[in-house]
Amino acid sequence: MNIYFIGQFGSDAGGWYIGADGKIHRVPGWNPDALREIGAALGVLREAGKLKTHGLADAAIKSVLEFTHKELGAHVKGGGAVVVMGG
């Protein structure tokens, strides 16, 4: 499993990951507009988790989770984990 470290969302600066070989590898920058949208979607997921009304959190999370899986999955390969810093 790779662990990805991503800086501020909306940045095209890229990041790094620690590979299975134990070494640090560079990740090229991503599209800033796409990263801002993913960052906003992750914010929605974070806030939806705070909802107490039965079924409301599940509905909000379900509608956003598919998008975040698709977008992050396009960039994070091999079952890696994403660590979001900043934001």
N, C-alpha and C. Protein backbone atom coordinates (compact mmCIF):
# COMPACT_ATOMS: atom_id res chain seq x y z
N MET A 1 0.84 -1.17 0.00
CA MET A 1 0.00 0.00 0.00
C MET A 1 0.89 1.23 0.00
N ASN A 2 0.53 2.22 -0.80
CA ASN A 2 1.21 3.51 -0.80
C ASN A 2 0.43 4.48 0.06
N ILE A 3 1.12 5.37 0.74
CA ILE A 3 0.48 6.43 1.51
C ILE A 3 0.80 7.73 0.80
N TYR A 4 -0.24 8.45 0.37
CA TYR A 4 -0.08 9.68 -0.38
C TYR A 4 -0.22 10.87 0.54
N PHE A 5 0.64 11.85 0.38
CA PHE A 5 0.57 13.10 1.12
C PHE A 5 0.25 14.19 0.11
N ILE A 6 -0.87 14.88 0.31
CA ILE A 6 -1.33 15.89 -0.63
C ILE A 6 -1.38 17.22 0.11
N GLY A 7 -0.84 18.26 -0.48
CA GLY A 7 -0.87 19.59 0.12
C GLY A 7 -2.24 20.22 -0.02
N GLN A 8 -2.28 21.52 0.00
CA GLN A 8 -3.52 22.30 -0.07
C GLN A 8 -4.30 21.92 -1.32
N PHE A 9 -5.59 21.62 -1.16
CA PHE A 9 -6.42 21.34 -2.33
C PHE A 9 -6.51 22.59 -3.18
N GLY A 10 -6.52 22.40 -4.49
CA GLY A 10 -6.55 23.50 -5.43
C GLY A 10 -5.16 23.89 -5.88
N SER A 11 -4.17 23.16 -5.43
CA SER A 11 -2.79 23.44 -5.79
C SER A 11 -2.34 22.47 -6.87
N ASP A 12 -1.53 22.98 -7.77
CA ASP A 12 -0.96 22.09 -8.77
C ASP A 12 0.46 21.70 -8.40
N ALA A 13 0.80 21.88 -7.11
CA ALA A 13 2.16 21.61 -6.64
C ALA A 13 2.47 20.12 -6.54
N GLY A 14 1.47 19.29 -6.52
CA GLY A 14 1.71 17.86 -6.39
C GLY A 14 1.96 17.46 -4.95
N GLY A 15 2.64 16.36 -4.76
CA GLY A 15 2.90 15.86 -3.41
C GLY A 15 3.89 14.73 -3.46
N TRP A 16 3.84 13.86 -2.48
CA TRP A 16 4.77 12.75 -2.36
C TRP A 16 4.03 11.55 -1.83
N TYR A 17 4.60 10.38 -2.05
CA TYR A 17 4.07 9.19 -1.40
C TYR A 17 5.23 8.30 -0.99
N ILE A 18 4.99 7.52 0.03
CA ILE A 18 5.96 6.54 0.50
C ILE A 18 5.57 5.22 -0.14
N GLY A 19 6.41 4.72 -1.01
CA GLY A 19 6.11 3.50 -1.74
C GLY A 19 6.37 2.24 -0.95
N ALA A 20 6.00 1.13 -1.54
CA ALA A 20 6.23 -0.18 -0.91
C ALA A 20 7.72 -0.43 -0.71
N ASP A 21 8.53 0.29 -1.46
CA ASP A 21 9.98 0.15 -1.31
C ASP A 21 10.53 0.97 -0.14
N GLY A 22 9.64 1.70 0.56
CA GLY A 22 10.04 2.51 1.71
C GLY A 22 10.65 3.85 1.34
N LYS A 23 10.68 4.15 0.05
CA LYS A 23 11.26 5.41 -0.41
C LYS A 23 10.17 6.44 -0.70
N ILE A 24 10.56 7.71 -0.67
CA ILE A 24 9.63 8.80 -0.96
C ILE A 24 9.65 9.05 -2.47
N HIS A 25 8.47 9.12 -3.07
CA HIS A 25 8.32 9.34 -4.50
C HIS A 25 7.48 10.60 -4.74
N ARG A 26 7.81 11.34 -5.76
CA ARG A 26 7.09 12.57 -6.12
C ARG A 26 5.83 12.24 -6.90
N VAL A 27 4.75 12.96 -6.61
CA VAL A 27 3.50 12.87 -7.35
C VAL A 27 3.34 14.18 -8.10
N PRO A 28 3.16 14.16 -9.41
CA PRO A 28 3.02 15.41 -10.15
C PRO A 28 1.75 16.15 -9.75
N GLY A 29 1.72 17.44 -10.03
CA GLY A 29 0.55 18.26 -9.70
C GLY A 29 -0.69 17.80 -10.44
N TRP A 30 -1.84 18.10 -9.84
CA TRP A 30 -3.13 17.75 -10.43
C TRP A 30 -3.82 19.02 -10.89
N ASN A 31 -4.88 18.88 -11.60
CA ASN A 31 -5.68 19.99 -12.08
C ASN A 31 -6.26 20.75 -10.89
N PRO A 32 -5.92 22.03 -10.72
CA PRO A 32 -6.38 22.79 -9.55
C PRO A 32 -7.91 22.86 -9.42
N ASP A 33 -8.62 23.01 -10.54
CA ASP A 33 -10.09 23.07 -10.47
C ASP A 33 -10.67 21.75 -9.98
N ALA A 34 -10.15 20.65 -10.48
CA ALA A 34 -10.63 19.33 -10.05
C ALA A 34 -10.33 19.11 -8.57
N LEU A 35 -9.15 19.53 -8.12
CA LEU A 35 -8.80 19.34 -6.71
C LEU A 35 -9.67 20.20 -5.79
N ARG A 36 -10.03 21.41 -6.24
CA ARG A 36 -10.93 22.24 -5.42
C ARG A 36 -12.28 21.56 -5.27
N GLU A 37 -12.76 20.96 -6.36
CA GLU A 37 -14.04 20.27 -6.30
C GLU A 37 -13.98 19.04 -5.39
N ILE A 38 -12.90 18.28 -5.47
CA ILE A 38 -12.73 17.14 -4.57
C ILE A 38 -12.64 17.62 -3.12
N GLY A 39 -11.90 18.71 -2.90
CA GLY A 39 -11.80 19.28 -1.55
C GLY A 39 -13.15 19.68 -1.00
N ALA A 40 -13.98 20.29 -1.83
CA ALA A 40 -15.32 20.67 -1.40
C ALA A 40 -16.17 19.44 -1.09
N ALA A 41 -16.04 18.41 -1.94
CA ALA A 41 -16.79 17.17 -1.71
C ALA A 41 -16.36 16.51 -0.40
N LEU A 42 -15.05 16.52 -0.11
CA LEU A 42 -14.58 15.95 1.16
C LEU A 42 -15.10 16.77 2.35
N GLY A 43 -15.23 18.08 2.16
CA GLY A 43 -15.82 18.93 3.20
C GLY A 43 -17.28 18.58 3.45
N VAL A 44 -18.01 18.30 2.38
CA VAL A 44 -19.41 17.88 2.51
C VAL A 44 -19.49 16.58 3.29
N LEU A 45 -18.61 15.63 2.97
CA LEU A 45 -18.59 14.35 3.69
C LEU A 45 -18.30 14.56 5.18
N ARG A 46 -17.33 15.44 5.46
CA ARG A 46 -16.97 15.71 6.86
C ARG A 46 -18.15 16.31 7.61
N GLU A 47 -18.81 17.28 7.01
CA GLU A 47 -19.94 17.93 7.68
C GLU A 47 -21.16 17.01 7.77
N ALA A 48 -21.40 16.20 6.74
CA ALA A 48 -22.55 15.28 6.76
C ALA A 48 -22.42 14.28 7.89
N GLY A 49 -21.20 13.93 8.24
CA GLY A 49 -20.99 13.00 9.35
C GLY A 49 -21.44 13.54 10.68
N LYS A 50 -21.66 14.84 10.77
CA LYS A 50 -22.10 15.48 12.01
C LYS A 50 -23.62 15.53 12.14
N LEU A 51 -24.35 15.20 11.07
CA LEU A 51 -25.81 15.28 11.09
C LEU A 51 -26.40 14.19 11.98
N LYS A 52 -27.39 14.57 12.75
CA LYS A 52 -28.02 13.62 13.68
C LYS A 52 -29.36 13.09 13.17
N THR A 53 -29.99 13.77 12.21
CA THR A 53 -31.29 13.35 11.71
C THR A 53 -31.16 12.02 10.98
N HIS A 54 -32.00 11.07 11.38
CA HIS A 54 -31.94 9.72 10.83
C HIS A 54 -32.05 9.74 9.31
N GLY A 55 -31.10 9.15 8.63
CA GLY A 55 -31.13 9.01 7.18
C GLY A 55 -30.58 10.19 6.42
N LEU A 56 -30.51 11.36 7.04
CA LEU A 56 -30.05 12.55 6.34
C LEU A 56 -28.56 12.46 6.01
N ALA A 57 -27.75 12.06 6.98
CA ALA A 57 -26.32 11.92 6.74
C ALA A 57 -26.05 10.87 5.67
N ASP A 58 -26.77 9.74 5.75
CA ASP A 58 -26.58 8.67 4.77
C ASP A 58 -26.88 9.15 3.36
N ALA A 59 -27.97 9.93 3.20
CA ALA A 59 -28.35 10.43 1.87
C ALA A 59 -27.30 11.39 1.34
N ALA A 60 -26.81 12.28 2.18
CA ALA A 60 -25.80 13.26 1.74
C ALA A 60 -24.49 12.56 1.40
N ILE A 61 -24.09 11.63 2.23
CA ILE A 61 -22.83 10.92 2.01
C ILE A 61 -22.90 10.07 0.75
N LYS A 62 -24.00 9.38 0.55
CA LYS A 62 -24.14 8.51 -0.62
C LYS A 62 -24.02 9.32 -1.91
N SER A 63 -24.59 10.52 -1.93
CA SER A 63 -24.58 11.31 -3.16
C SER A 63 -23.19 11.85 -3.49
N VAL A 64 -22.33 12.01 -2.51
CA VAL A 64 -21.00 12.59 -2.73
C VAL A 64 -19.91 11.52 -2.78
N LEU A 65 -20.12 10.41 -2.09
CA LEU A 65 -19.08 9.40 -1.96
C LEU A 65 -18.69 8.79 -3.31
N GLU A 66 -19.65 8.54 -4.17
CA GLU A 66 -19.35 7.95 -5.48
C GLU A 66 -18.42 8.88 -6.27
N PHE A 67 -18.69 10.19 -6.23
CA PHE A 67 -17.85 11.16 -6.93
C PHE A 67 -16.42 11.15 -6.38
N THR A 68 -16.28 11.19 -5.06
CA THR A 68 -14.94 11.24 -4.47
C THR A 68 -14.16 9.95 -4.74
N HIS A 69 -14.82 8.82 -4.69
CA HIS A 69 -14.15 7.55 -5.00
C HIS A 69 -13.64 7.56 -6.43
N LYS A 70 -14.48 8.02 -7.35
CA LYS A 70 -14.10 8.04 -8.77
C LYS A 70 -12.91 8.98 -9.00
N GLU A 71 -13.00 10.19 -8.47
CA GLU A 71 -11.95 11.19 -8.71
C GLU A 71 -10.63 10.82 -8.03
N LEU A 72 -10.70 10.43 -6.77
CA LEU A 72 -9.46 10.05 -6.08
C LEU A 72 -8.89 8.75 -6.66
N GLY A 73 -9.77 7.85 -7.04
CA GLY A 73 -9.33 6.58 -7.62
C GLY A 73 -8.59 6.76 -8.93
N ALA A 74 -8.89 7.85 -9.64
CA ALA A 74 -8.20 8.13 -10.89
C ALA A 74 -6.75 8.54 -10.66
N HIS A 75 -6.46 9.01 -9.45
CA HIS A 75 -5.12 9.49 -9.15
C HIS A 75 -4.35 8.60 -8.19
N VAL A 76 -5.05 7.89 -7.33
CA VAL A 76 -4.40 7.06 -6.31
C VAL A 76 -4.54 5.61 -6.73
N LYS A 77 -3.45 5.01 -7.06
CA LYS A 77 -3.45 3.63 -7.58
C LYS A 77 -2.93 2.65 -6.54
N GLY A 78 -3.25 1.39 -6.72
CA GLY A 78 -2.69 0.33 -5.93
C GLY A 78 -3.16 0.26 -4.48
N GLY A 79 -4.40 0.71 -4.22
CA GLY A 79 -4.94 0.62 -2.88
C GLY A 79 -4.30 1.57 -1.90
N GLY A 80 -3.78 2.69 -2.38
CA GLY A 80 -3.14 3.68 -1.51
C GLY A 80 -4.13 4.37 -0.59
N ALA A 81 -3.60 5.02 0.42
CA ALA A 81 -4.40 5.82 1.35
C ALA A 81 -4.08 7.29 1.13
N VAL A 82 -5.07 8.15 1.23
CA VAL A 82 -4.87 9.58 1.03
C VAL A 82 -4.85 10.27 2.39
N VAL A 83 -3.85 11.10 2.61
CA VAL A 83 -3.76 11.94 3.80
C VAL A 83 -3.96 13.37 3.34
N VAL A 84 -5.07 14.01 3.73
CA VAL A 84 -5.37 15.37 3.31
C VAL A 84 -4.87 16.32 4.38
N MET A 85 -4.00 17.24 3.97
CA MET A 85 -3.43 18.21 4.90
C MET A 85 -3.90 19.60 4.49
N GLY A 86 -4.10 20.46 5.45
CA GLY A 86 -4.52 21.82 5.15
C GLY A 86 -5.99 21.87 4.82
N GLY A 87 -6.39 22.95 4.20
CA GLY A 87 -7.78 23.08 3.76
C GLY A 87 -8.61 23.66 4.80
